[in-house]
Amino acid sequence: MELIQVFTKIFGIPYGNKPHIGEEPGIIKNSSKSMRRAFATGVLTSDGSIGIDFTQDLFVRSKKLAESIYDILKRDNLNVCIKKKGEFYSVKGIGENKK
């Protein structure tokens, strides 16, 4: 199986430009907490940034992707917020929730 077939058939990622339709693949969304965390880590490592206030920031055009990353981080008890900024969605992680 070629790599493109893995992305399209297993992960359900379509061909072509997809900034508005990007989302967490169903096979990952329905998997373990550690698998979802690994997915979020990959997205944040490749597309995220560290703000001048040392927060983790992610700006994406896909609402579904932003909501998935938010959900994963929130389930890990992180203090995180999501906001719409123009045509982008911002997910900002600002540390652990205090218990």
Protein backbone atom coordinates (compact mmCIF):
# COMPACT_ATOMS: atom_id res chain seq x y z
CA MET A 1 0.00 0.00 0.00
CA GLU A 2 1.37 3.41 -0.96
CA LEU A 3 1.55 6.22 1.59
CA ILE A 4 -1.14 8.26 -0.18
CA GLN A 5 -3.49 5.28 0.11
CA VAL A 6 -2.86 5.11 3.86
CA PHE A 7 -3.85 8.77 4.21
CA THR A 8 -6.92 8.56 1.98
CA LYS A 9 -8.28 5.09 2.76
CA ILE A 10 -7.30 4.52 6.41
CA PHE A 11 -7.27 8.07 7.79
CA GLY A 12 -9.92 9.48 5.43
CA ILE A 13 -7.80 12.47 4.42
CA PRO A 14 -8.84 13.69 0.94
CA TYR A 15 -6.48 14.71 -1.85
CA GLY A 16 -5.65 18.36 -2.46
CA ASN A 17 -5.78 21.61 -0.54
CA LYS A 18 -7.69 21.23 2.73
CA PRO A 19 -7.17 24.14 5.15
CA HIS A 20 -10.91 24.47 5.84
CA ILE A 21 -11.75 20.77 6.05
CA GLY A 22 -8.89 19.44 8.16
CA GLU A 23 -10.03 17.37 11.11
CA GLU A 24 -8.95 14.62 13.45
CA PRO A 25 -9.28 11.31 11.57
CA GLY A 26 -12.10 9.13 12.91
CA ILE A 27 -9.75 6.21 13.51
CA ILE A 28 -7.76 8.42 15.90
CA LYS A 29 -10.76 10.16 17.46
CA ASN A 30 -12.20 6.75 18.40
CA SER A 31 -8.91 5.40 19.75
CA SER A 32 -7.18 5.61 23.12
CA LYS A 33 -6.42 8.77 25.06
CA SER A 34 -2.69 8.30 24.42
CA MET A 35 -3.27 8.00 20.65
CA ARG A 36 -5.33 11.21 20.63
CA ARG A 37 -2.63 12.92 22.70
CA ALA A 38 0.01 11.80 20.18
CA PHE A 39 -2.12 13.25 17.35
CA ALA A 40 -2.46 16.60 19.18
CA THR A 41 1.28 16.62 19.88
CA GLY A 42 1.97 16.13 16.17
CA VAL A 43 -0.38 18.92 15.14
CA LEU A 44 1.02 21.31 17.74
CA THR A 45 4.62 20.39 16.89
CA SER A 46 4.15 21.01 13.18
CA ASP A 47 1.60 23.84 13.15
CA GLY A 48 1.72 25.35 16.64
CA SER A 49 3.93 28.02 18.10
CA ILE A 50 5.08 29.31 21.47
CA GLY A 51 3.81 32.79 22.29
CA ILE A 52 5.93 35.50 23.88
CA ASP A 53 4.08 34.72 27.12
CA PHE A 54 5.26 31.07 26.80
CA THR A 55 1.80 29.77 25.95
CA GLN A 56 1.19 27.17 23.25
CA ASP A 57 -0.73 28.67 20.32
CA LEU A 58 -2.34 27.03 17.30
CA PHE A 59 -4.03 28.95 14.47
CA VAL A 60 -5.99 26.88 11.93
CA ARG A 61 -8.77 27.54 9.44
CA SER A 62 -10.61 24.33 10.24
CA LYS A 63 -13.14 24.67 13.07
CA LYS A 64 -13.31 20.86 13.42
CA LEU A 65 -9.54 20.56 13.85
CA ALA A 66 -9.45 23.41 16.38
CA GLU A 67 -12.29 21.82 18.37
CA SER A 68 -10.56 18.41 18.36
CA ILE A 69 -7.28 19.83 19.65
CA TYR A 70 -9.19 21.83 22.27
CA ASP A 71 -11.05 18.68 23.38
CA ILE A 72 -7.87 16.60 23.65
CA LEU A 73 -6.07 19.26 25.71
CA LYS A 74 -9.11 19.88 27.93
CA ARG A 75 -9.42 16.15 28.68
CA ASP A 76 -5.79 16.25 29.83
CA ASN A 77 -6.84 18.85 32.41
CA LEU A 78 -5.05 21.70 30.66
CA ASN A 79 -6.23 25.28 30.88
CA VAL A 80 -7.05 25.95 27.22
CA CYS A 81 -9.30 28.30 25.28
CA ILE A 82 -10.55 28.50 21.73
CA LYS A 83 -11.48 31.69 19.85
CA LYS A 84 -12.37 32.69 16.30
CA LYS A 85 -10.02 35.36 14.94
CA GLY A 86 -11.04 36.45 11.46
CA GLU A 87 -10.96 33.37 9.24
CA PHE A 88 -8.83 31.44 11.75
CA TYR A 89 -9.51 29.55 14.95
CA SER A 90 -7.06 30.03 17.79
CA VAL A 91 -6.41 27.33 20.37
CA LYS A 92 -4.30 28.61 23.25
CA GLY A 93 -2.92 26.38 25.99
CA ILE A 94 -1.96 28.19 29.17
CA GLY A 95 -0.90 25.40 31.52
CA GLU A 96 -2.51 22.93 33.87
CA ASN A 97 -5.76 23.64 35.66
CA LYS A 98 -5.23 24.17 39.37
CA LYS A 99 -7.20 21.68 41.46
